[in-house]
Amino acid sequence: MSTTNTPTGTLPLSLRQVSKLLSDETRWRLLREMSKGEMLPTADLAKRTGTTPDSAYKHLVVLTRMGIAVQRYRGFFAMTPAFLPAAGSTTLNLGHCLLQLDTPLE
């Protein structure tokens, strides 16, 4: 099977991209789930992040356009390898800043 929509993901993100990324809690939750290295369907990501599949998909499109996520197959998303934290790490390097994905969101 071929992959679709596969940007390479490059560091650092622009400051504008980082600002957009950090402006929504749902994107943080999606990053937290995808940083585990699994390729997941939109419905599973929505369930794990407490949002609707439509909302999750809209945010996944934003992450894909930034090069942080890639859509593989139909509706399955994963974090781009360039952004995937090292095994056992919960720190996401965005170039301009580091995100600690294991900290509480509230």
N, C-alpha and C. Protein backbone atom coordinates (compact mmCIF):
# COMPACT_ATOMS: atom_id res chain seq x y z
N MET A 1 0.84 -1.19 0.00
CA MET A 1 0.00 0.00 0.00
C MET A 1 0.87 1.23 0.00
N SER A 2 0.42 2.21 -0.71
CA SER A 2 1.19 3.45 -0.75
C SER A 2 0.75 4.37 0.37
N THR A 3 1.61 5.32 0.67
CA THR A 3 1.27 6.31 1.68
C THR A 3 0.79 7.56 0.98
N THR A 4 0.01 8.35 1.69
CA THR A 4 -0.48 9.59 1.12
C THR A 4 -0.12 10.74 2.04
N ASN A 5 0.04 11.89 1.42
CA ASN A 5 0.22 13.10 2.21
C ASN A 5 1.38 12.95 3.19
N THR A 6 2.58 12.78 2.69
CA THR A 6 3.72 12.47 3.53
C THR A 6 4.77 13.57 3.52
N PRO A 7 4.53 14.70 4.20
CA PRO A 7 5.55 15.72 4.30
C PRO A 7 6.72 15.20 5.12
N THR A 8 7.89 15.78 4.89
CA THR A 8 9.08 15.26 5.56
C THR A 8 9.18 15.69 7.01
N GLY A 9 8.61 16.83 7.38
CA GLY A 9 8.73 17.31 8.75
C GLY A 9 10.13 17.81 9.00
N THR A 10 10.31 19.11 9.09
CA THR A 10 11.63 19.66 9.29
C THR A 10 11.65 20.56 10.51
N LEU A 11 12.80 20.58 11.15
CA LEU A 11 13.02 21.44 12.32
C LEU A 11 13.90 22.60 11.90
N PRO A 12 13.79 23.75 12.51
CA PRO A 12 12.73 24.07 13.46
C PRO A 12 11.47 24.50 12.74
N LEU A 13 10.35 24.37 13.43
CA LEU A 13 9.11 24.96 12.93
C LEU A 13 9.27 26.47 13.01
N SER A 14 8.53 27.18 12.18
CA SER A 14 8.57 28.64 12.28
C SER A 14 7.86 29.05 13.57
N LEU A 15 8.15 30.24 14.03
CA LEU A 15 7.49 30.74 15.24
C LEU A 15 5.99 30.82 15.03
N ARG A 16 5.55 31.16 13.84
CA ARG A 16 4.12 31.20 13.52
C ARG A 16 3.50 29.81 13.66
N GLN A 17 4.20 28.78 13.17
CA GLN A 17 3.69 27.41 13.29
C GLN A 17 3.62 26.97 14.75
N VAL A 18 4.65 27.29 15.53
CA VAL A 18 4.65 26.93 16.95
C VAL A 18 3.49 27.61 17.67
N SER A 19 3.25 28.88 17.37
CA SER A 19 2.14 29.61 17.99
C SER A 19 0.81 28.96 17.66
N LYS A 20 0.63 28.60 16.41
CA LYS A 20 -0.62 27.95 16.01
C LYS A 20 -0.77 26.59 16.66
N LEU A 21 0.31 25.85 16.72
CA LEU A 21 0.30 24.53 17.34
C LEU A 21 -0.11 24.60 18.80
N LEU A 22 0.46 25.56 19.52
CA LEU A 22 0.23 25.66 20.96
C LEU A 22 -1.09 26.33 21.33
N SER A 23 -1.81 26.84 20.34
CA SER A 23 -3.02 27.62 20.63
C SER A 23 -4.26 26.78 20.89
N ASP A 24 -4.18 25.48 20.79
CA ASP A 24 -5.37 24.66 20.98
C ASP A 24 -5.06 23.39 21.79
N GLU A 25 -5.83 23.17 22.83
CA GLU A 25 -5.62 22.03 23.73
C GLU A 25 -5.80 20.69 23.00
N THR A 26 -6.72 20.64 22.04
CA THR A 26 -6.94 19.39 21.31
C THR A 26 -5.69 18.97 20.56
N ARG A 27 -4.96 19.92 19.99
CA ARG A 27 -3.71 19.57 19.30
C ARG A 27 -2.68 19.03 20.28
N TRP A 28 -2.64 19.60 21.50
CA TRP A 28 -1.73 19.07 22.54
C TRP A 28 -2.09 17.61 22.83
N ARG A 29 -3.38 17.35 22.99
CA ARG A 29 -3.82 15.98 23.31
C ARG A 29 -3.48 15.02 22.16
N LEU A 30 -3.68 15.46 20.94
CA LEU A 30 -3.33 14.62 19.79
C LEU A 30 -1.83 14.36 19.74
N LEU A 31 -1.03 15.38 19.99
CA LEU A 31 0.43 15.20 20.02
C LEU A 31 0.83 14.19 21.09
N ARG A 32 0.19 14.29 22.24
CA ARG A 32 0.49 13.37 23.35
C ARG A 32 0.24 11.93 22.91
N GLU A 33 -0.87 11.69 22.25
CA GLU A 33 -1.19 10.33 21.80
C GLU A 33 -0.27 9.87 20.67
N MET A 34 -0.03 10.73 19.70
CA MET A 34 0.81 10.34 18.56
C MET A 34 2.27 10.19 18.94
N SER A 35 2.70 10.85 20.01
CA SER A 35 4.11 10.76 20.42
C SER A 35 4.47 9.35 20.91
N LYS A 36 3.47 8.52 21.12
CA LYS A 36 3.70 7.13 21.55
C LYS A 36 4.16 6.25 20.39
N GLY A 37 4.10 6.81 19.17
CA GLY A 37 4.65 6.11 18.01
C GLY A 37 3.68 5.21 17.27
N GLU A 38 2.43 5.18 17.67
CA GLU A 38 1.46 4.32 17.00
C GLU A 38 0.85 5.03 15.79
N MET A 39 0.48 4.26 14.79
CA MET A 39 -0.32 4.79 13.69
C MET A 39 -1.76 4.44 14.03
N LEU A 40 -2.60 5.47 14.15
CA LEU A 40 -3.96 5.27 14.62
C LEU A 40 -4.99 5.90 13.69
N PRO A 41 -6.19 5.29 13.62
CA PRO A 41 -7.26 5.91 12.85
C PRO A 41 -7.80 7.13 13.59
N THR A 42 -8.39 8.03 12.83
CA THR A 42 -8.94 9.26 13.39
C THR A 42 -9.92 8.96 14.52
N ALA A 43 -10.76 7.96 14.35
CA ALA A 43 -11.77 7.64 15.38
C ALA A 43 -11.11 7.26 16.71
N ASP A 44 -10.03 6.49 16.67
CA ASP A 44 -9.32 6.12 17.90
C ASP A 44 -8.65 7.33 18.54
N LEU A 45 -8.04 8.17 17.72
CA LEU A 45 -7.42 9.38 18.26
C LEU A 45 -8.47 10.28 18.90
N ALA A 46 -9.63 10.38 18.27
CA ALA A 46 -10.72 11.19 18.84
C ALA A 46 -11.15 10.65 20.20
N LYS A 47 -11.33 9.35 20.27
CA LYS A 47 -11.76 8.73 21.52
C LYS A 47 -10.72 8.95 22.62
N ARG A 48 -9.44 8.75 22.29
CA ARG A 48 -8.37 8.90 23.27
C ARG A 48 -8.19 10.35 23.74
N THR A 49 -8.59 11.31 22.91
CA THR A 49 -8.40 12.72 23.26
C THR A 49 -9.68 13.40 23.72
N GLY A 50 -10.78 12.66 23.76
CA GLY A 50 -12.03 13.21 24.26
C GLY A 50 -12.68 14.23 23.34
N THR A 51 -12.57 14.01 22.04
CA THR A 51 -13.18 14.91 21.08
C THR A 51 -13.94 14.09 20.04
N THR A 52 -14.59 14.76 19.12
CA THR A 52 -15.31 14.07 18.06
C THR A 52 -14.35 13.72 16.92
N PRO A 53 -14.69 12.71 16.13
CA PRO A 53 -13.84 12.40 14.97
C PRO A 53 -13.69 13.58 14.02
N ASP A 54 -14.75 14.35 13.80
CA ASP A 54 -14.65 15.51 12.90
C ASP A 54 -13.67 16.54 13.44
N SER A 55 -13.76 16.83 14.74
CA SER A 55 -12.85 17.80 15.35
C SER A 55 -11.41 17.28 15.30
N ALA A 56 -11.21 16.02 15.65
CA ALA A 56 -9.87 15.44 15.62
C ALA A 56 -9.29 15.52 14.21
N TYR A 57 -10.10 15.20 13.21
CA TYR A 57 -9.62 15.23 11.83
C TYR A 57 -9.18 16.64 11.43
N LYS A 58 -9.96 17.65 11.79
CA LYS A 58 -9.60 19.03 11.46
C LYS A 58 -8.25 19.41 12.07
N HIS A 59 -8.02 19.00 13.31
CA HIS A 59 -6.74 19.29 13.96
C HIS A 59 -5.62 18.47 13.35
N LEU A 60 -5.90 17.23 12.97
CA LEU A 60 -4.89 16.39 12.33
C LEU A 60 -4.46 16.97 10.98
N VAL A 61 -5.39 17.60 10.28
CA VAL A 61 -5.05 18.27 9.02
C VAL A 61 -4.07 19.41 9.29
N VAL A 62 -4.32 20.18 10.35
CA VAL A 62 -3.40 21.27 10.72
C VAL A 62 -2.01 20.69 11.02
N LEU A 63 -1.96 19.63 11.82
CA LEU A 63 -0.69 19.01 12.17
C LEU A 63 0.02 18.44 10.93
N THR A 64 -0.76 17.92 9.99
CA THR A 64 -0.19 17.37 8.76
C THR A 64 0.40 18.49 7.91
N ARG A 65 -0.31 19.59 7.80
CA ARG A 65 0.19 20.73 7.01
C ARG A 65 1.47 21.30 7.61
N MET A 66 1.61 21.21 8.92
CA MET A 66 2.84 21.67 9.58
C MET A 66 3.99 20.68 9.42
N GLY A 67 3.68 19.47 8.98
CA GLY A 67 4.70 18.45 8.83
C GLY A 67 4.94 17.64 10.09
N ILE A 68 4.11 17.83 11.12
CA ILE A 68 4.28 17.10 12.38
C ILE A 68 3.62 15.73 12.31
N ALA A 69 2.54 15.64 11.57
CA ALA A 69 1.82 14.37 11.42
C ALA A 69 1.81 13.99 9.95
N VAL A 70 1.59 12.72 9.69
CA VAL A 70 1.43 12.25 8.32
C VAL A 70 0.24 11.30 8.30
N GLN A 71 -0.49 11.38 7.20
CA GLN A 71 -1.62 10.46 7.03
C GLN A 71 -1.13 9.29 6.21
N ARG A 72 -1.28 8.12 6.76
CA ARG A 72 -0.88 6.90 6.06
C ARG A 72 -2.14 6.07 5.84
N TYR A 73 -2.24 5.53 4.68
CA TYR A 73 -3.44 4.80 4.30
C TYR A 73 -4.63 5.74 4.40
N ARG A 74 -5.78 5.25 4.56
CA ARG A 74 -6.97 6.11 4.58
C ARG A 74 -7.40 6.36 6.01
N GLY A 75 -7.18 7.59 6.48
CA GLY A 75 -7.65 7.97 7.81
C GLY A 75 -6.77 7.53 8.96
N PHE A 76 -5.60 6.98 8.69
CA PHE A 76 -4.67 6.60 9.75
C PHE A 76 -3.57 7.64 9.82
N PHE A 77 -3.31 8.12 11.03
CA PHE A 77 -2.32 9.18 11.23
C PHE A 77 -1.22 8.71 12.18
N ALA A 78 -0.03 9.27 11.96
CA ALA A 78 1.11 9.01 12.83
C ALA A 78 1.95 10.29 12.89
N MET A 79 2.81 10.37 13.89
CA MET A 79 3.72 11.50 13.99
C MET A 79 4.85 11.29 12.99
N THR A 80 5.23 12.37 12.32
CA THR A 80 6.34 12.33 11.38
C THR A 80 7.61 11.92 12.14
N PRO A 81 8.40 11.01 11.58
CA PRO A 81 9.60 10.54 12.28
C PRO A 81 10.53 11.65 12.78
N ALA A 82 10.63 12.76 12.06
CA ALA A 82 11.52 13.85 12.48
C ALA A 82 11.09 14.46 13.81
N PHE A 83 9.82 14.34 14.16
CA PHE A 83 9.31 14.92 15.40
C PHE A 83 9.09 13.89 16.49
N LEU A 84 9.09 12.63 16.16
CA LEU A 84 8.81 11.57 17.12
C LEU A 84 9.87 11.57 18.22
N PRO A 85 9.44 11.67 19.49
CA PRO A 85 10.42 11.63 20.59
C PRO A 85 11.16 10.29 20.62
N ALA A 86 12.33 10.29 21.18
CA ALA A 86 13.09 9.05 21.36
C ALA A 86 12.30 8.10 22.25
N ALA A 87 12.52 6.82 22.10
CA ALA A 87 11.82 5.82 22.90
C ALA A 87 11.95 6.14 24.39
N GLY A 88 10.83 6.15 25.07
CA GLY A 88 10.83 6.42 26.51
C GLY A 88 10.79 7.90 26.86
N SER A 89 10.95 8.78 25.88
CA SER A 89 10.93 10.22 26.13
C SER A 89 9.52 10.77 25.91
N THR A 90 9.20 11.82 26.65
CA THR A 90 7.92 12.50 26.46
C THR A 90 8.15 13.96 26.09
N THR A 91 9.33 14.26 25.58
CA THR A 91 9.67 15.62 25.19
C THR A 91 9.67 15.74 23.68
N LEU A 92 8.88 16.67 23.17
CA LEU A 92 8.77 16.91 21.75
C LEU A 92 9.59 18.15 21.41
N ASN A 93 10.57 18.01 20.54
CA ASN A 93 11.43 19.11 20.13
C ASN A 93 10.83 19.80 18.92
N LEU A 94 10.46 21.08 19.07
CA LEU A 94 9.91 21.85 17.96
C LEU A 94 10.92 22.82 17.38
N GLY A 95 12.14 22.75 17.83
CA GLY A 95 13.17 23.64 17.33
C GLY A 95 13.28 24.90 18.16
N HIS A 96 12.19 25.66 18.28
CA HIS A 96 12.18 26.88 19.08
C HIS A 96 11.90 26.59 20.56
N CYS A 97 11.28 25.46 20.82
CA CYS A 97 10.93 25.11 22.20
C CYS A 97 10.78 23.60 22.32
N LEU A 98 10.79 23.15 23.55
CA LEU A 98 10.55 21.75 23.86
C LEU A 98 9.22 21.63 24.57
N LEU A 99 8.40 20.66 24.18
CA LEU A 99 7.13 20.42 24.85
C LEU A 99 7.25 19.19 25.73
N GLN A 100 6.91 19.34 26.98
CA GLN A 100 6.84 18.21 27.90
C GLN A 100 5.43 17.65 27.81
N LEU A 101 5.26 16.56 27.10
CA LEU A 101 3.94 16.02 26.84
C LEU A 101 3.35 15.24 28.02
N ASP A 102 4.13 15.01 29.05
CA ASP A 102 3.61 14.26 30.19
C ASP A 102 3.11 15.16 31.31
N THR A 103 3.12 16.46 31.12
CA THR A 103 2.64 17.37 32.16
C THR A 103 1.12 17.52 32.04
N PRO A 104 0.42 17.74 33.16
CA PRO A 104 -1.02 17.91 33.11
C PRO A 104 -1.41 19.14 32.29
N LEU A 105 -2.52 19.02 31.58
CA LEU A 105 -2.99 20.14 30.77
C LEU A 105 -3.84 21.12 31.55
N GLU A 106 -4.20 20.78 32.75
CA GLU A 106 -5.05 21.66 33.54
C GLU A 106 -4.36 22.12 34.80
